[in-house]
């Protein structure tokens, strides 16, 4: 199963760099995404990694919101996320 970052959680004029919307493969509905709440995720870069937790469901198509300890850089969009 692959998990990818789709976007930052954002509003009309702001975006929150500590929260990201994740796409889970093989999850197509809200009920399937609810089972991932509370799971830990980690984005790895060349020298460091940023850890986070899936906190809530985003919409009805199986997307989830993850909150990270540090703000994510812009290069994190479309990056693969691993769950330790």
N, C-alpha and C. Protein backbone atom coordinates (compact mmCIF):
# COMPACT_ATOMS: atom_id res chain seq x y z
N UNK A 1 0.84 -1.18 0.00
CA UNK A 1 0.00 0.00 0.00
C UNK A 1 0.88 1.24 0.00
N UNK A 2 0.57 2.16 -0.87
CA UNK A 2 1.34 3.40 -0.90
C UNK A 2 0.48 4.56 -0.43
N UNK A 3 1.12 5.46 0.28
CA UNK A 3 0.47 6.66 0.80
C UNK A 3 1.23 7.84 0.23
N UNK A 4 0.52 8.80 -0.38
CA UNK A 4 1.17 9.96 -0.97
C UNK A 4 0.55 11.23 -0.44
N UNK A 5 1.37 12.28 -0.36
CA UNK A 5 0.88 13.59 0.04
C UNK A 5 0.27 14.26 -1.18
N UNK A 6 -0.97 14.67 -1.06
CA UNK A 6 -1.67 15.31 -2.16
C UNK A 6 -1.56 16.82 -2.08
N UNK A 7 -1.72 17.37 -0.88
CA UNK A 7 -1.76 18.81 -0.72
C UNK A 7 -1.56 19.16 0.75
N UNK A 8 -1.29 20.42 1.00
CA UNK A 8 -1.36 20.92 2.36
C UNK A 8 -2.82 21.14 2.70
N UNK A 9 -3.14 21.09 3.98
CA UNK A 9 -4.49 21.45 4.39
C UNK A 9 -4.57 22.96 4.29
N UNK A 10 -5.57 23.46 3.59
CA UNK A 10 -5.58 24.88 3.30
C UNK A 10 -6.98 25.44 3.26
N UNK A 11 -7.02 26.75 3.36
CA UNK A 11 -8.26 27.49 3.19
C UNK A 11 -8.16 28.31 1.92
N UNK A 12 -9.01 29.28 1.82
CA UNK A 12 -9.04 30.08 0.61
C UNK A 12 -7.79 30.95 0.47
N UNK A 13 -7.32 31.49 1.58
CA UNK A 13 -6.17 32.39 1.53
C UNK A 13 -4.98 31.93 2.35
N UNK A 14 -5.09 30.81 3.04
CA UNK A 14 -4.00 30.34 3.89
C UNK A 14 -3.75 28.86 3.64
N UNK A 15 -2.55 28.42 3.98
CA UNK A 15 -2.29 26.98 4.00
C UNK A 15 -1.52 26.65 5.26
N UNK A 16 -1.80 25.49 5.80
CA UNK A 16 -1.20 25.06 7.05
C UNK A 16 -0.09 24.06 6.72
N UNK A 17 1.16 24.43 7.00
CA UNK A 17 2.30 23.60 6.64
C UNK A 17 2.49 22.42 7.58
N UNK A 18 1.82 22.42 8.72
CA UNK A 18 1.92 21.31 9.68
C UNK A 18 0.91 20.21 9.40
N UNK A 19 -0.03 20.45 8.48
CA UNK A 19 -1.05 19.46 8.18
C UNK A 19 -1.07 19.20 6.68
N UNK A 20 -1.23 17.94 6.30
CA UNK A 20 -1.25 17.57 4.89
C UNK A 20 -2.39 16.60 4.62
N UNK A 21 -2.90 16.64 3.41
CA UNK A 21 -3.93 15.71 2.96
C UNK A 21 -3.22 14.55 2.28
N UNK A 22 -3.52 13.33 2.69
CA UNK A 22 -2.87 12.13 2.17
C UNK A 22 -3.86 11.29 1.37
N UNK A 23 -3.37 10.69 0.28
CA UNK A 23 -4.17 9.76 -0.51
C UNK A 23 -3.71 8.33 -0.21
N UNK A 24 -4.65 7.50 0.20
CA UNK A 24 -4.36 6.11 0.51
C UNK A 24 -4.80 5.26 -0.68
N UNK A 25 -3.91 4.44 -1.23
CA UNK A 25 -4.29 3.55 -2.31
C UNK A 25 -5.24 2.47 -1.78
N UNK A 26 -6.13 2.01 -2.61
CA UNK A 26 -7.11 0.96 -2.30
C UNK A 26 -8.13 1.37 -1.25
N UNK A 27 -8.20 2.65 -0.90
CA UNK A 27 -9.24 3.14 0.01
C UNK A 27 -10.09 4.12 -0.77
N UNK A 28 -11.36 3.82 -0.94
CA UNK A 28 -12.22 4.62 -1.80
C UNK A 28 -13.37 5.31 -1.08
N UNK A 29 -13.53 5.06 0.23
CA UNK A 29 -14.66 5.68 0.92
C UNK A 29 -14.25 6.12 2.32
N UNK A 30 -15.17 6.84 2.95
CA UNK A 30 -14.92 7.42 4.27
C UNK A 30 -14.76 6.35 5.35
N UNK A 31 -15.53 5.28 5.26
CA UNK A 31 -15.47 4.23 6.28
C UNK A 31 -14.13 3.51 6.25
N UNK A 32 -13.58 3.29 5.08
CA UNK A 32 -12.27 2.65 4.98
C UNK A 32 -11.16 3.53 5.51
N UNK A 33 -11.30 4.85 5.34
CA UNK A 33 -10.28 5.78 5.81
C UNK A 33 -10.30 5.94 7.33
N UNK A 34 -11.45 5.71 7.95
CA UNK A 34 -11.55 5.87 9.42
C UNK A 34 -10.66 4.88 10.16
N UNK A 35 -10.36 3.76 9.56
CA UNK A 35 -9.53 2.76 10.24
C UNK A 35 -8.07 3.18 10.34
N UNK A 36 -7.66 4.22 9.61
CA UNK A 36 -6.27 4.69 9.64
C UNK A 36 -6.04 5.82 10.64
N UNK A 37 -7.08 6.31 11.28
CA UNK A 37 -6.93 7.39 12.25
C UNK A 37 -6.11 6.91 13.44
N UNK A 38 -5.09 7.68 13.82
CA UNK A 38 -4.21 7.33 14.92
C UNK A 38 -2.93 6.65 14.47
N UNK A 39 -2.82 6.25 13.21
CA UNK A 39 -1.60 5.60 12.71
C UNK A 39 -0.51 6.64 12.53
N UNK A 40 0.72 6.23 12.77
CA UNK A 40 1.87 7.11 12.62
C UNK A 40 2.40 7.05 11.20
N UNK A 41 2.86 8.19 10.69
CA UNK A 41 3.43 8.28 9.35
C UNK A 41 4.74 9.05 9.42
N UNK A 42 5.55 8.88 8.40
CA UNK A 42 6.86 9.53 8.38
C UNK A 42 7.24 9.86 6.94
N UNK A 43 7.66 11.11 6.74
CA UNK A 43 8.15 11.56 5.43
C UNK A 43 9.67 11.64 5.53
N UNK A 44 10.36 10.94 4.63
CA UNK A 44 11.82 10.88 4.69
C UNK A 44 12.41 11.71 3.57
N UNK A 45 13.36 12.56 3.93
CA UNK A 45 14.13 13.33 2.97
C UNK A 45 15.56 12.82 3.01
N UNK A 46 16.46 13.46 2.31
CA UNK A 46 17.82 12.95 2.21
C UNK A 46 18.53 12.89 3.56
N UNK A 47 18.38 13.90 4.39
CA UNK A 47 19.11 13.93 5.66
C UNK A 47 18.23 13.72 6.88
N UNK A 48 16.97 14.05 6.78
CA UNK A 48 16.13 13.97 7.97
C UNK A 48 14.75 13.44 7.61
N UNK A 49 13.96 13.22 8.63
CA UNK A 49 12.59 12.77 8.42
C UNK A 49 11.67 13.54 9.35
N UNK A 50 10.42 13.67 8.94
CA UNK A 50 9.41 14.38 9.72
C UNK A 50 8.31 13.40 10.05
N UNK A 51 7.99 13.28 11.34
CA UNK A 51 7.00 12.32 11.81
C UNK A 51 5.67 13.01 12.05
N UNK A 52 4.60 12.23 11.85
CA UNK A 52 3.27 12.76 12.07
C UNK A 52 2.28 11.67 12.40
N UNK A 53 1.03 12.07 12.59
CA UNK A 53 -0.05 11.16 12.95
C UNK A 53 -1.27 11.50 12.10
N UNK A 54 -1.97 10.47 11.62
CA UNK A 54 -3.22 10.69 10.89
C UNK A 54 -4.29 11.04 11.90
N UNK A 55 -4.94 12.19 11.70
CA UNK A 55 -5.86 12.71 12.71
C UNK A 55 -7.32 12.62 12.33
N UNK A 56 -7.65 12.75 11.04
CA UNK A 56 -9.07 12.77 10.67
C UNK A 56 -9.24 12.41 9.21
N UNK A 57 -10.48 12.21 8.82
CA UNK A 57 -10.84 11.91 7.44
C UNK A 57 -11.08 13.22 6.71
N UNK A 58 -10.72 13.27 5.43
CA UNK A 58 -10.90 14.47 4.63
C UNK A 58 -11.78 14.12 3.43
N UNK A 59 -13.06 14.45 3.50
CA UNK A 59 -13.97 14.19 2.40
C UNK A 59 -14.50 12.76 2.40
N UNK A 60 -15.12 12.39 1.27
CA UNK A 60 -15.77 11.09 1.16
C UNK A 60 -15.03 10.12 0.26
N UNK A 61 -13.86 10.48 -0.27
CA UNK A 61 -13.16 9.63 -1.23
C UNK A 61 -11.94 8.93 -0.65
N UNK A 62 -11.86 8.79 0.66
CA UNK A 62 -10.77 8.04 1.26
C UNK A 62 -9.52 8.84 1.55
N UNK A 63 -9.58 10.14 1.52
CA UNK A 63 -8.44 10.96 1.87
C UNK A 63 -8.41 11.16 3.39
N UNK A 64 -7.21 11.38 3.95
CA UNK A 64 -7.07 11.63 5.38
C UNK A 64 -6.18 12.84 5.60
N UNK A 65 -6.27 13.41 6.79
CA UNK A 65 -5.43 14.55 7.18
C UNK A 65 -4.43 14.05 8.21
N UNK A 66 -3.16 14.41 8.00
CA UNK A 66 -2.11 14.06 8.95
C UNK A 66 -1.50 15.33 9.51
N UNK A 67 -1.23 15.32 10.81
CA UNK A 67 -0.60 16.46 11.47
C UNK A 67 0.85 16.08 11.74
N UNK A 68 1.79 16.94 11.32
CA UNK A 68 3.21 16.69 11.46
C UNK A 68 3.81 17.58 12.54
N UNK A 69 4.90 17.12 13.14
CA UNK A 69 5.54 17.86 14.23
C UNK A 69 6.17 19.15 13.72
N UNK A 70 6.85 19.07 12.59
CA UNK A 70 7.46 20.24 11.96
C UNK A 70 6.70 20.55 10.68
N UNK A 71 6.86 21.76 10.20
CA UNK A 71 6.22 22.12 8.94
C UNK A 71 6.88 21.40 7.77
N UNK A 72 6.07 21.00 6.82
CA UNK A 72 6.59 20.30 5.65
C UNK A 72 7.06 21.31 4.60
N UNK A 73 8.13 20.99 3.88
CA UNK A 73 8.55 21.87 2.78
C UNK A 73 7.67 21.64 1.56
N UNK A 74 7.77 22.52 0.59
CA UNK A 74 6.97 22.39 -0.62
C UNK A 74 7.31 21.16 -1.43
N UNK A 75 8.54 20.65 -1.30
CA UNK A 75 8.95 19.46 -2.04
C UNK A 75 8.23 18.20 -1.54
N UNK A 76 7.52 18.30 -0.45
CA UNK A 76 6.85 17.13 0.11
C UNK A 76 5.61 16.75 -0.69
N UNK A 77 5.08 17.65 -1.50
CA UNK A 77 3.90 17.34 -2.31
C UNK A 77 4.27 16.23 -3.30
N UNK A 78 3.42 15.24 -3.43
CA UNK A 78 3.57 14.03 -4.25
C UNK A 78 4.65 13.11 -3.72
N UNK A 79 5.14 13.32 -2.51
CA UNK A 79 6.16 12.47 -1.92
C UNK A 79 5.50 11.24 -1.28
N UNK A 80 6.19 10.13 -1.34
CA UNK A 80 5.73 8.88 -0.73
C UNK A 80 5.92 8.96 0.79
N UNK A 81 4.91 8.52 1.54
CA UNK A 81 4.95 8.52 2.99
C UNK A 81 5.00 7.07 3.45
N UNK A 82 5.81 6.79 4.46
CA UNK A 82 5.84 5.43 4.98
C UNK A 82 5.25 5.40 6.37
N UNK A 83 4.67 4.27 6.73
CA UNK A 83 4.10 4.12 8.06
C UNK A 83 4.94 3.09 8.81
N UNK A 84 5.69 3.56 9.82
CA UNK A 84 6.59 2.64 10.55
C UNK A 84 5.84 1.65 11.43
